[in-house]
Amino acid sequence: MVCDCRRRWRLGGLAGLEDARRPGRPLRADPAYVHLLVQTVQQDPRQVGYAFTRWMAPRLFEYLRQ
């Protein structure tokens, strides 16, 4: 694993460390949704009106669904 990372770094620099596309179903989340998700999990839920202090998957899903 480490040797593979070193080889990828040596051959492609930083870009060589990015994961290659894999076969399978296409992603369901577009870049805008991923951006919103990242912004949301980086903030305290109380900042958007919730009483809890940590995002849990069901609560996060409900918030993003709005």
N, C-alpha and C. Protein backbone atom coordinates (compact mmCIF):
# COMPACT_ATOMS: atom_id res chain seq x y z
N MET A 1 0.82 -1.19 0.00
CA MET A 1 0.00 0.00 0.00
C MET A 1 0.87 1.25 0.00
N VAL A 2 1.80 1.35 0.93
CA VAL A 2 2.68 2.52 0.99
C VAL A 2 3.55 2.58 -0.25
N CYS A 3 4.06 1.43 -0.68
CA CYS A 3 4.90 1.41 -1.88
C CYS A 3 4.11 1.87 -3.10
N ASP A 4 2.84 1.48 -3.17
CA ASP A 4 2.00 1.89 -4.28
C ASP A 4 1.82 3.41 -4.27
N CYS A 5 1.58 3.98 -3.09
CA CYS A 5 1.42 5.44 -2.98
C CYS A 5 2.70 6.16 -3.39
N ARG A 6 3.82 5.64 -2.97
CA ARG A 6 5.10 6.26 -3.34
C ARG A 6 5.31 6.21 -4.84
N ARG A 7 4.98 5.08 -5.44
CA ARG A 7 5.13 4.94 -6.89
C ARG A 7 4.21 5.91 -7.62
N ARG A 8 2.96 6.01 -7.17
CA ARG A 8 2.01 6.93 -7.80
C ARG A 8 2.48 8.37 -7.65
N TRP A 9 3.03 8.72 -6.49
CA TRP A 9 3.57 10.07 -6.27
C TRP A 9 4.74 10.34 -7.21
N ARG A 10 5.64 9.37 -7.30
CA ARG A 10 6.82 9.54 -8.14
C ARG A 10 6.43 9.70 -9.61
N LEU A 11 5.44 8.94 -10.06
CA LEU A 11 5.06 8.99 -11.47
C LEU A 11 4.14 10.16 -11.82
N GLY A 12 3.29 10.58 -10.87
CA GLY A 12 2.31 11.60 -11.22
C GLY A 12 2.21 12.78 -10.30
N GLY A 13 3.09 12.85 -9.30
CA GLY A 13 3.00 13.96 -8.36
C GLY A 13 1.70 13.91 -7.58
N LEU A 14 1.23 15.06 -7.16
CA LEU A 14 0.00 15.13 -6.37
C LEU A 14 -1.19 14.56 -7.13
N ALA A 15 -1.27 14.86 -8.42
CA ALA A 15 -2.38 14.35 -9.23
C ALA A 15 -2.36 12.82 -9.30
N GLY A 16 -1.18 12.23 -9.20
CA GLY A 16 -1.07 10.77 -9.24
C GLY A 16 -1.67 10.08 -8.03
N LEU A 17 -1.89 10.81 -6.95
CA LEU A 17 -2.46 10.22 -5.74
C LEU A 17 -3.99 10.18 -5.76
N GLU A 18 -4.60 10.87 -6.71
CA GLU A 18 -6.06 10.85 -6.79
C GLU A 18 -6.54 9.46 -7.18
N ASP A 19 -7.67 9.07 -6.63
CA ASP A 19 -8.25 7.77 -6.97
C ASP A 19 -8.73 7.77 -8.40
N ALA A 20 -8.52 6.66 -9.07
CA ALA A 20 -9.01 6.51 -10.44
C ALA A 20 -10.50 6.18 -10.39
N ARG A 21 -11.19 6.47 -11.47
CA ARG A 21 -12.61 6.10 -11.55
C ARG A 21 -12.72 4.59 -11.49
N ARG A 22 -13.78 4.15 -10.85
CA ARG A 22 -14.02 2.71 -10.73
C ARG A 22 -15.34 2.37 -11.43
N PRO A 23 -15.44 1.15 -11.90
CA PRO A 23 -16.70 0.76 -12.54
C PRO A 23 -17.82 0.68 -11.51
N GLY A 24 -19.03 0.78 -11.98
CA GLY A 24 -20.18 0.68 -11.08
C GLY A 24 -21.19 1.77 -11.36
N ARG A 25 -22.18 1.84 -10.51
CA ARG A 25 -23.24 2.82 -10.67
C ARG A 25 -22.67 4.23 -10.55
N PRO A 26 -23.12 5.15 -11.37
CA PRO A 26 -22.63 6.53 -11.26
C PRO A 26 -23.03 7.15 -9.92
N LEU A 27 -22.29 8.16 -9.51
CA LEU A 27 -22.60 8.86 -8.28
C LEU A 27 -23.97 9.51 -8.36
N ARG A 28 -24.68 9.53 -7.24
CA ARG A 28 -26.00 10.16 -7.21
C ARG A 28 -25.91 11.60 -6.75
N ALA A 29 -24.82 11.98 -6.13
CA ALA A 29 -24.66 13.34 -5.62
C ALA A 29 -23.85 14.17 -6.61
N ASP A 30 -24.43 15.30 -7.02
CA ASP A 30 -23.68 16.18 -7.91
C ASP A 30 -22.75 17.07 -7.08
N PRO A 31 -21.82 17.76 -7.72
CA PRO A 31 -20.86 18.59 -6.97
C PRO A 31 -21.51 19.63 -6.06
N ALA A 32 -22.64 20.20 -6.46
CA ALA A 32 -23.31 21.20 -5.62
C ALA A 32 -23.82 20.56 -4.33
N TYR A 33 -24.36 19.35 -4.42
CA TYR A 33 -24.85 18.65 -3.23
C TYR A 33 -23.70 18.29 -2.30
N VAL A 34 -22.61 17.82 -2.87
CA VAL A 34 -21.44 17.48 -2.06
C VAL A 34 -20.92 18.73 -1.34
N HIS A 35 -20.89 19.85 -2.03
CA HIS A 35 -20.45 21.11 -1.42
C HIS A 35 -21.36 21.49 -0.25
N LEU A 36 -22.68 21.39 -0.44
CA LEU A 36 -23.63 21.68 0.63
C LEU A 36 -23.44 20.72 1.80
N LEU A 37 -23.22 19.46 1.53
CA LEU A 37 -23.00 18.47 2.59
C LEU A 37 -21.77 18.82 3.41
N VAL A 38 -20.68 19.14 2.75
CA VAL A 38 -19.44 19.49 3.45
C VAL A 38 -19.64 20.75 4.30
N GLN A 39 -20.28 21.76 3.73
CA GLN A 39 -20.55 22.99 4.50
C GLN A 39 -21.40 22.70 5.72
N THR A 40 -22.40 21.85 5.56
CA THR A 40 -23.32 21.55 6.65
C THR A 40 -22.63 20.83 7.79
N VAL A 41 -21.87 19.79 7.49
CA VAL A 41 -21.25 19.02 8.58
C VAL A 41 -20.15 19.80 9.28
N GLN A 42 -19.67 20.88 8.68
CA GLN A 42 -18.64 21.69 9.33
C GLN A 42 -19.23 22.73 10.28
N GLN A 43 -20.55 22.85 10.31
CA GLN A 43 -21.15 23.82 11.23
C GLN A 43 -21.90 23.10 12.35
N ASP A 44 -22.05 23.79 13.45
CA ASP A 44 -22.78 23.28 14.60
C ASP A 44 -24.27 23.27 14.25
N PRO A 45 -24.99 22.17 14.48
CA PRO A 45 -26.41 22.13 14.16
C PRO A 45 -27.22 23.23 14.85
N ARG A 46 -26.74 23.71 15.98
CA ARG A 46 -27.45 24.78 16.69
C ARG A 46 -27.46 26.07 15.88
N GLN A 47 -26.50 26.23 14.96
CA GLN A 47 -26.45 27.44 14.13
C GLN A 47 -27.61 27.50 13.14
N VAL A 48 -28.22 26.36 12.88
CA VAL A 48 -29.37 26.34 11.96
C VAL A 48 -30.66 25.99 12.68
N GLY A 49 -30.66 26.17 14.01
CA GLY A 49 -31.90 26.06 14.77
C GLY A 49 -32.19 24.75 15.47
N TYR A 50 -31.27 23.82 15.46
CA TYR A 50 -31.49 22.55 16.15
C TYR A 50 -30.97 22.61 17.58
N ALA A 51 -31.52 21.76 18.45
CA ALA A 51 -31.10 21.74 19.85
C ALA A 51 -29.93 20.79 20.09
N PHE A 52 -29.69 19.88 19.17
CA PHE A 52 -28.59 18.93 19.35
C PHE A 52 -27.27 19.53 18.90
N THR A 53 -26.17 18.93 19.34
CA THR A 53 -24.84 19.52 19.10
C THR A 53 -24.02 18.78 18.06
N ARG A 54 -24.46 17.60 17.64
CA ARG A 54 -23.71 16.83 16.64
C ARG A 54 -24.64 16.32 15.56
N TRP A 55 -24.14 16.34 14.34
CA TRP A 55 -24.92 15.79 13.23
C TRP A 55 -24.87 14.28 13.29
N MET A 56 -26.02 13.65 13.18
CA MET A 56 -26.13 12.21 13.03
C MET A 56 -26.73 11.99 11.65
N ALA A 57 -26.48 10.85 11.05
CA ALA A 57 -26.90 10.62 9.67
C ALA A 57 -28.39 10.90 9.43
N PRO A 58 -29.32 10.38 10.25
CA PRO A 58 -30.74 10.65 9.97
C PRO A 58 -31.08 12.14 10.05
N ARG A 59 -30.52 12.84 11.02
CA ARG A 59 -30.79 14.27 11.17
C ARG A 59 -30.20 15.06 10.01
N LEU A 60 -29.01 14.69 9.60
CA LEU A 60 -28.35 15.34 8.48
C LEU A 60 -29.15 15.13 7.20
N PHE A 61 -29.62 13.91 7.01
CA PHE A 61 -30.44 13.59 5.84
C PHE A 61 -31.70 14.46 5.81
N GLU A 62 -32.38 14.56 6.95
CA GLU A 62 -33.59 15.38 7.02
C GLU A 62 -33.30 16.84 6.72
N TYR A 63 -32.21 17.36 7.27
CA TYR A 63 -31.85 18.76 7.03
C TYR A 63 -31.55 19.00 5.54
N LEU A 64 -30.79 18.12 4.93
CA LEU A 64 -30.42 18.30 3.53
C LEU A 64 -31.61 18.08 2.59
N ARG A 65 -32.57 17.32 3.04
CA ARG A 65 -33.75 17.06 2.21
C ARG A 65 -34.63 18.29 2.06
N GLN A 66 -34.53 19.23 2.99
CA GLN A 66 -35.37 20.44 2.97
C GLN A 66 -35.05 21.34 1.82
